[in-house]
């Protein structure tokens, strides 16, 4: 049987296995344990090279359009991502800071010609 991936559907899947809990309990578990899982996974993440490609695109998340910033390494693996309501210098700066905090300083970054990205990288004195 096919299920959508939502808390109520997961509740139904477990109910078929005689494991009963409320979907709101699952929501509380996600809120409590997701940051711990994120921190644990980031410690096991492999080191990335100092050369990345950075871009952004417009995607729909839960019916709302947002900007999806991402950094990709030489092998094409996503280094990190960031969702923002705006495509401006402040959002680009938050994304770059997040990438640097989680992965260390980068030596080389390839970007599109978005003015916000260029301004942030110039301000941080990172080679283009």
C-alpha atoms as a PDB file:
ATOM      1  CA  UNK A   1       0.000   0.000   0.000  1.00  0.00           C
ATOM      2  CA  UNK A   2       1.286   3.508  -0.825  1.00  0.00           C
ATOM      3  CA  UNK A   3       1.343   6.294   1.747  1.00  0.00           C
ATOM      4  CA  UNK A   4       2.108   9.968   1.632  1.00  0.00           C
ATOM      5  CA  UNK A   5       4.964  10.960   3.920  1.00  0.00           C
ATOM      6  CA  UNK A   6       3.146  12.920   6.608  1.00  0.00           C
ATOM      7  CA  UNK A   7       2.719  12.392  10.351  1.00  0.00           C
ATOM      8  CA  UNK A   8      -0.802  10.973  10.028  1.00  0.00           C
ATOM      9  CA  UNK A   9       0.313   8.491   7.350  1.00  0.00           C
ATOM     10  CA  UNK A  10       3.244   7.374   9.517  1.00  0.00           C
ATOM     11  CA  UNK A  11       0.794   6.923  12.397  1.00  0.00           C
ATOM     12  CA  UNK A  12      -1.287   4.627  10.141  1.00  0.00           C
ATOM     13  CA  UNK A  13       1.784   2.641   9.044  1.00  0.00           C
ATOM     14  CA  UNK A  14       2.723   1.949  12.660  1.00  0.00           C
ATOM     15  CA  UNK A  15      -0.891   1.138  13.544  1.00  0.00           C
ATOM     16  CA  UNK A  16      -0.788  -1.673  10.955  1.00  0.00           C
ATOM     17  CA  UNK A  17       2.149  -3.106  12.968  1.00  0.00           C
ATOM     18  CA  UNK A  18       0.185  -2.770  16.254  1.00  0.00           C
ATOM     19  CA  UNK A  19       2.276   0.196  17.403  1.00  0.00           C
ATOM     20  CA  UNK A  20      -0.095   2.961  18.456  1.00  0.00           C
ATOM     21  CA  UNK A  21       0.798   6.601  19.050  1.00  0.00           C
ATOM     22  CA  UNK A  22      -0.640   9.949  18.069  1.00  0.00           C
ATOM     23  CA  UNK A  23       0.705  11.942  15.124  1.00  0.00           C
ATOM     24  CA  UNK A  24       1.285  14.912  17.457  1.00  0.00           C
ATOM     25  CA  UNK A  25       3.681  12.713  19.470  1.00  0.00           C
ATOM     26  CA  UNK A  26       5.685  12.121  16.305  1.00  0.00           C
ATOM     27  CA  UNK A  27       5.764  15.887  15.711  1.00  0.00           C
ATOM     28  CA  UNK A  28       7.169  16.436  19.228  1.00  0.00           C
ATOM     29  CA  UNK A  29       9.827  13.764  18.589  1.00  0.00           C
ATOM     30  CA  UNK A  30      10.874  15.503  15.366  1.00  0.00           C
ATOM     31  CA  UNK A  31      11.119  18.867  17.115  1.00  0.00           C
ATOM     32  CA  UNK A  32      13.154  17.368  19.966  1.00  0.00           C
ATOM     33  CA  UNK A  33      15.450  14.985  18.081  1.00  0.00           C
ATOM     34  CA  UNK A  34      15.980  16.602  14.654  1.00  0.00           C
ATOM     35  CA  UNK A  35      18.605  19.093  15.930  1.00  0.00           C
ATOM     36  CA  UNK A  36      20.439  16.268  17.726  1.00  0.00           C
ATOM     37  CA  UNK A  37      20.417  14.105  14.602  1.00  0.00           C
ATOM     38  CA  UNK A  38      21.624  17.045  12.496  1.00  0.00           C
ATOM     39  CA  UNK A  39      24.530  17.711  14.868  1.00  0.00           C
ATOM     40  CA  UNK A  40      25.447  14.014  14.975  1.00  0.00           C
ATOM     41  CA  UNK A  41      25.309  13.605  11.201  1.00  0.00           C
ATOM     42  CA  UNK A  42      27.440  16.710  10.623  1.00  0.00           C
ATOM     43  CA  UNK A  43      30.227  15.212  12.794  1.00  0.00           C
ATOM     44  CA  UNK A  44      30.295  12.117  10.558  1.00  0.00           C
ATOM     45  CA  UNK A  45      30.121  14.068   7.296  1.00  0.00           C
ATOM     46  CA  UNK A  46      33.181  13.717   5.088  1.00  0.00           C
ATOM     47  CA  UNK A  47      35.488  16.672   4.543  1.00  0.00           C
ATOM     48  CA  UNK A  48      34.847  18.741   1.442  1.00  0.00           C
ATOM     49  CA  UNK A  49      37.371  20.231  -0.901  1.00  0.00           C
ATOM     50  CA  UNK A  50      38.024  23.982  -0.866  1.00  0.00           C
ATOM     51  CA  UNK A  51      36.445  24.490  -4.308  1.00  0.00           C
ATOM     52  CA  UNK A  52      32.658  24.729  -4.559  1.00  0.00           C
ATOM     53  CA  UNK A  53      29.928  25.874  -6.899  1.00  0.00           C
ATOM     54  CA  UNK A  54      27.254  28.014  -5.301  1.00  0.00           C
ATOM     55  CA  UNK A  55      23.868  28.806  -6.820  1.00  0.00           C
ATOM     56  CA  UNK A  56      20.304  29.574  -5.919  1.00  0.00           C
ATOM     57  CA  UNK A  57      16.961  28.781  -7.459  1.00  0.00           C
ATOM     58  CA  UNK A  58      13.291  29.380  -6.719  1.00  0.00           C
ATOM     59  CA  UNK A  59      11.332  26.342  -5.428  1.00  0.00           C
ATOM     60  CA  UNK A  60       7.965  25.712  -3.830  1.00  0.00           C
ATOM     61  CA  UNK A  61       7.981  24.380  -0.241  1.00  0.00           C
ATOM     62  CA  UNK A  62       4.633  23.578   1.383  1.00  0.00           C
ATOM     63  CA  UNK A  63       2.872  25.749  -1.212  1.00  0.00           C
ATOM     64  CA  UNK A  64       5.131  28.771  -0.649  1.00  0.00           C
ATOM     65  CA  UNK A  65       7.827  29.937  -3.077  1.00  0.00           C
ATOM     66  CA  UNK A  66      11.285  30.293  -1.469  1.00  0.00           C
ATOM     67  CA  UNK A  67      14.869  30.693  -2.632  1.00  0.00           C
ATOM     68  CA  UNK A  68      16.981  27.553  -2.349  1.00  0.00           C
ATOM     69  CA  UNK A  69      20.680  28.356  -1.926  1.00  0.00           C
ATOM     70  CA  UNK A  70      23.105  25.448  -2.226  1.00  0.00           C
ATOM     71  CA  UNK A  71      26.826  24.746  -2.395  1.00  0.00           C
ATOM     72  CA  UNK A  72      28.058  21.762  -4.426  1.00  0.00           C
ATOM     73  CA  UNK A  73      31.567  20.257  -4.272  1.00  0.00           C
ATOM     74  CA  UNK A  74      33.743  18.886  -7.098  1.00  0.00           C
ATOM     75  CA  UNK A  75      32.054  15.475  -6.980  1.00  0.00           C
ATOM     76  CA  UNK A  76      28.592  17.035  -7.328  1.00  0.00           C
ATOM     77  CA  UNK A  77      27.614  16.340  -3.708  1.00  0.00           C
ATOM     78  CA  UNK A  78      25.633  19.014  -1.888  1.00  0.00           C
ATOM     79  CA  UNK A  79      27.842  20.607   0.770  1.00  0.00           C
ATOM     80  CA  UNK A  80      25.045  22.599   2.417  1.00  0.00           C
ATOM     81  CA  UNK A  81      21.794  24.403   1.614  1.00  0.00           C
ATOM     82  CA  UNK A  82      19.687  27.283   2.904  1.00  0.00           C
ATOM     83  CA  UNK A  83      16.067  28.315   2.317  1.00  0.00           C
ATOM     84  CA  UNK A  84      15.182  32.013   2.305  1.00  0.00           C
ATOM     85  CA  UNK A  85      12.137  34.103   1.510  1.00  0.00           C
ATOM     86  CA  UNK A  86      14.331  36.762  -0.111  1.00  0.00           C
ATOM     87  CA  UNK A  87      17.185  36.759  -2.593  1.00  0.00           C
ATOM     88  CA  UNK A  88      19.339  39.537  -1.244  1.00  0.00           C
ATOM     89  CA  UNK A  89      22.753  40.198   0.253  1.00  0.00           C
ATOM     90  CA  UNK A  90      21.603  39.372   3.805  1.00  0.00           C
ATOM     91  CA  UNK A  91      20.305  35.934   2.739  1.00  0.00           C
ATOM     92  CA  UNK A  92      23.491  35.199   0.762  1.00  0.00           C
ATOM     93  CA  UNK A  93      25.593  36.234   3.792  1.00  0.00           C
ATOM     94  CA  UNK A  94      23.606  33.943   6.127  1.00  0.00           C
ATOM     95  CA  UNK A  95      24.106  31.062   3.697  1.00  0.00           C
ATOM     96  CA  UNK A  96      27.859  31.648   3.293  1.00  0.00           C
ATOM     97  CA  UNK A  97      28.277  31.933   7.079  1.00  0.00           C
ATOM     98  CA  UNK A  98      26.362  28.671   7.558  1.00  0.00           C
ATOM     99  CA  UNK A  99      28.562  26.890   5.001  1.00  0.00           C
ATOM    100  CA  UNK A 100      31.778  28.232   6.540  1.00  0.00           C
ATOM    101  CA  UNK A 101      30.689  27.390  10.106  1.00  0.00           C
ATOM    102  CA  UNK A 102      29.872  23.794   9.166  1.00  0.00           C
ATOM    103  CA  UNK A 103      32.651  23.107   6.638  1.00  0.00           C
ATOM    104  CA  UNK A 104      35.495  25.540   7.252  1.00  0.00           C
ATOM    105  CA  UNK A 105      36.864  28.257   5.003  1.00  0.00           C
ATOM    106  CA  UNK A 106      36.609  27.753   1.294  1.00  0.00           C
ATOM    107  CA  UNK A 107      39.462  28.561  -1.088  1.00  0.00           C
ATOM    108  CA  UNK A 108      37.577  28.961  -4.334  1.00  0.00           C
ATOM    109  CA  UNK A 109      33.888  29.390  -5.194  1.00  0.00           C
ATOM    110  CA  UNK A 110      32.180  29.524  -8.577  1.00  0.00           C
ATOM    111  CA  UNK A 111      28.950  31.522  -8.643  1.00  0.00           C
ATOM    112  CA  UNK A 112      26.449  32.912 -11.097  1.00  0.00           C
ATOM    113  CA  UNK A 113      26.463  36.642 -11.681  1.00  0.00           C
ATOM    114  CA  UNK A 114      23.977  37.448  -8.918  1.00  0.00           C
ATOM    115  CA  UNK A 115      24.899  40.815  -7.430  1.00  0.00           C
ATOM    116  CA  UNK A 116      24.198  39.730  -3.843  1.00  0.00           C
ATOM    117  CA  UNK A 117      26.563  36.749  -4.072  1.00  0.00           C
ATOM    118  CA  UNK A 118      29.379  38.844  -5.518  1.00  0.00           C
ATOM    119  CA  UNK A 119      28.958  41.516  -2.834  1.00  0.00           C
ATOM    120  CA  UNK A 120      29.064  38.960  -0.004  1.00  0.00           C
ATOM    121  CA  UNK A 121      32.103  37.129  -1.337  1.00  0.00           C
ATOM    122  CA  UNK A 122      33.934  40.425  -1.921  1.00  0.00           C
ATOM    123  CA  UNK A 123      33.100  41.514   1.627  1.00  0.00           C
ATOM    124  CA  UNK A 124      34.428  38.208   3.000  1.00  0.00           C
ATOM    125  CA  UNK A 125      37.498  38.498   0.723  1.00  0.00           C
ATOM    126  CA  UNK A 126      36.951  35.063  -0.849  1.00  0.00           C
ATOM    127  CA  UNK A 127      38.384  34.469  -4.322  1.00  0.00           C
ATOM    128  CA  UNK A 128      35.916  34.207  -7.171  1.00  0.00           C
END
